[in-house]
Amino acid sequence: MTLTNAELYRLKSDARRGLLENDLILQRFFERYGAQLNAEDGKVLTQLLALEDNDLMDLLIGRKDSVPALEKESQEAPFRAVLQKLRQK
């Protein structure tokens, strides 16, 4: 089941970050996949968007595959799938 418009709007609002690079990557992600996101994707995005900007950037650009705050979650398939989509150029 895809996210409702309200849930998607909330995620997009939370995606406005202090680092322009994060903003650009997240904006591109929502343009490509926003209409296809399901509840599990929303959960992963919520976890990612709760990170500090620098930790999020490290994950988005592939500098790191996990951060201490999401060590367990980074091993799960839904997390890896969303992160892979976020990293696509």
C-alpha atoms as a PDB file:
ATOM      1  CA  MET A   1       0.000   0.000   0.000  1.00  0.00           C
ATOM      2  CA  THR A   2       1.448   3.358  -1.018  1.00  0.00           C
ATOM      3  CA  LEU A   3       1.805   6.296   1.328  1.00  0.00           C
ATOM      4  CA  THR A   4      -1.030   8.785   1.578  1.00  0.00           C
ATOM      5  CA  ASN A   5      -0.535  12.321   0.308  1.00  0.00           C
ATOM      6  CA  ALA A   6      -0.331  13.553   3.912  1.00  0.00           C
ATOM      7  CA  GLU A   7       2.360  10.991   4.821  1.00  0.00           C
ATOM      8  CA  LEU A   8       4.343  11.831   1.701  1.00  0.00           C
ATOM      9  CA  TYR A   9       4.037  15.559   2.406  1.00  0.00           C
ATOM     10  CA  ARG A  10       5.307  15.019   5.969  1.00  0.00           C
ATOM     11  CA  LEU A  11       8.335  13.100   4.686  1.00  0.00           C
ATOM     12  CA  LYS A  12       9.102  15.749   2.078  1.00  0.00           C
ATOM     13  CA  SER A  13       8.877  18.440   4.761  1.00  0.00           C
ATOM     14  CA  ASP A  14      11.251  16.507   7.013  1.00  0.00           C
ATOM     15  CA  ALA A  15      13.613  16.092   4.055  1.00  0.00           C
ATOM     16  CA  ARG A  16      14.423  19.804   3.962  1.00  0.00           C
ATOM     17  CA  ARG A  17      17.903  19.746   5.411  1.00  0.00           C
ATOM     18  CA  GLY A  18      20.712  22.102   6.374  1.00  0.00           C
ATOM     19  CA  LEU A  19      23.041  20.730   3.707  1.00  0.00           C
ATOM     20  CA  LEU A  20      22.177  21.586   0.125  1.00  0.00           C
ATOM     21  CA  GLU A  21      23.643  18.286  -1.081  1.00  0.00           C
ATOM     22  CA  ASN A  22      21.210  16.322   1.100  1.00  0.00           C
ATOM     23  CA  ASP A  23      18.337  18.454  -0.175  1.00  0.00           C
ATOM     24  CA  LEU A  24      19.235  17.762  -3.804  1.00  0.00           C
ATOM     25  CA  ILE A  25      19.577  14.015  -3.322  1.00  0.00           C
ATOM     26  CA  LEU A  26      16.321  13.754  -1.375  1.00  0.00           C
ATOM     27  CA  GLN A  27      14.459  15.945  -3.863  1.00  0.00           C
ATOM     28  CA  ARG A  28      15.618  13.745  -6.746  1.00  0.00           C
ATOM     29  CA  PHE A  29      14.551  10.640  -4.794  1.00  0.00           C
ATOM     30  CA  PHE A  30      11.034  11.974  -4.168  1.00  0.00           C
ATOM     31  CA  GLU A  31      10.649  13.006  -7.807  1.00  0.00           C
ATOM     32  CA  ARG A  32      11.536   9.492  -8.949  1.00  0.00           C
ATOM     33  CA  TYR A  33       9.944   7.314  -6.293  1.00  0.00           C
ATOM     34  CA  GLY A  34       7.493   9.446  -4.287  1.00  0.00           C
ATOM     35  CA  ALA A  35       4.366   7.979  -5.871  1.00  0.00           C
ATOM     36  CA  GLN A  36       5.625   4.401  -5.315  1.00  0.00           C
ATOM     37  CA  LEU A  37       6.644   4.605  -1.646  1.00  0.00           C
ATOM     38  CA  ASN A  38       4.955   2.231   0.778  1.00  0.00           C
ATOM     39  CA  ALA A  39       4.652   2.249   4.576  1.00  0.00           C
ATOM     40  CA  GLU A  40       7.885   0.316   5.050  1.00  0.00           C
ATOM     41  CA  ASP A  41       9.765   2.778   2.828  1.00  0.00           C
ATOM     42  CA  GLY A  42       8.242   5.573   4.892  1.00  0.00           C
ATOM     43  CA  LYS A  43       9.532   3.993   8.089  1.00  0.00           C
ATOM     44  CA  VAL A  44      13.059   3.743   6.667  1.00  0.00           C
ATOM     45  CA  LEU A  45      12.960   7.332   5.423  1.00  0.00           C
ATOM     46  CA  THR A  46      11.767   8.532   8.828  1.00  0.00           C
ATOM     47  CA  GLN A  47      14.733   6.786  10.450  1.00  0.00           C
ATOM     48  CA  LEU A  48      17.150   8.275   7.921  1.00  0.00           C
ATOM     49  CA  LEU A  49      15.720  11.767   8.225  1.00  0.00           C
ATOM     50  CA  ALA A  50      16.150  11.646  12.018  1.00  0.00           C
ATOM     51  CA  LEU A  51      19.934  11.480  11.525  1.00  0.00           C
ATOM     52  CA  GLU A  52      22.284  14.429  11.789  1.00  0.00           C
ATOM     53  CA  ASP A  53      23.007  16.022   8.409  1.00  0.00           C
ATOM     54  CA  ASN A  54      26.590  14.752   8.205  1.00  0.00           C
ATOM     55  CA  ASP A  55      25.626  11.163   9.066  1.00  0.00           C
ATOM     56  CA  LEU A  56      22.852  11.291   6.481  1.00  0.00           C
ATOM     57  CA  MET A  57      25.263  12.658   3.875  1.00  0.00           C
ATOM     58  CA  ASP A  58      27.743   9.853   4.595  1.00  0.00           C
ATOM     59  CA  LEU A  59      25.022   7.295   3.892  1.00  0.00           C
ATOM     60  CA  LEU A  60      23.614   9.060   0.834  1.00  0.00           C
ATOM     61  CA  ILE A  61      26.926   9.401  -0.972  1.00  0.00           C
ATOM     62  CA  GLY A  62      28.133   5.946   0.029  1.00  0.00           C
ATOM     63  CA  ARG A  63      30.961   7.080   2.269  1.00  0.00           C
ATOM     64  CA  LYS A  64      29.483   4.738   4.894  1.00  0.00           C
ATOM     65  CA  ASP A  65      27.029   1.850   4.702  1.00  0.00           C
ATOM     66  CA  SER A  66      25.782   2.337   8.252  1.00  0.00           C
ATOM     67  CA  VAL A  67      26.020   4.717  11.178  1.00  0.00           C
ATOM     68  CA  PRO A  68      25.930   3.808  14.879  1.00  0.00           C
ATOM     69  CA  ALA A  69      22.380   5.127  15.304  1.00  0.00           C
ATOM     70  CA  LEU A  70      21.050   2.727  12.642  1.00  0.00           C
ATOM     71  CA  GLU A  71      23.499  -0.163  12.897  1.00  0.00           C
ATOM     72  CA  LYS A  72      20.834  -2.862  13.241  1.00  0.00           C
ATOM     73  CA  GLU A  73      18.433  -1.326  10.709  1.00  0.00           C
ATOM     74  CA  SER A  74      21.167  -1.023   8.066  1.00  0.00           C
ATOM     75  CA  GLN A  75      21.340  -4.817   7.862  1.00  0.00           C
ATOM     76  CA  GLU A  76      17.680  -5.160   6.890  1.00  0.00           C
ATOM     77  CA  ALA A  77      16.567  -5.508   3.262  1.00  0.00           C
ATOM     78  CA  PRO A  78      14.044  -2.611   3.251  1.00  0.00           C
ATOM     79  CA  PHE A  79      16.690  -0.226   4.579  1.00  0.00           C
ATOM     80  CA  ARG A  80      19.228  -1.324   1.972  1.00  0.00           C
ATOM     81  CA  ALA A  81      16.634  -1.045  -0.819  1.00  0.00           C
ATOM     82  CA  VAL A  82      15.711   2.546   0.089  1.00  0.00           C
ATOM     83  CA  LEU A  83      19.361   3.501   0.512  1.00  0.00           C
ATOM     84  CA  GLN A  84      20.176   2.026  -2.898  1.00  0.00           C
ATOM     85  CA  LYS A  85      17.421   4.125  -4.492  1.00  0.00           C
ATOM     86  CA  LEU A  86      18.678   7.218  -2.706  1.00  0.00           C
ATOM     87  CA  ARG A  87      22.199   6.632  -4.053  1.00  0.00           C
ATOM     88  CA  GLN A  88      21.127   6.324  -7.700  1.00  0.00           C
ATOM     89  CA  LYS A  89      22.432   9.152  -9.833  1.00  0.00           C
END
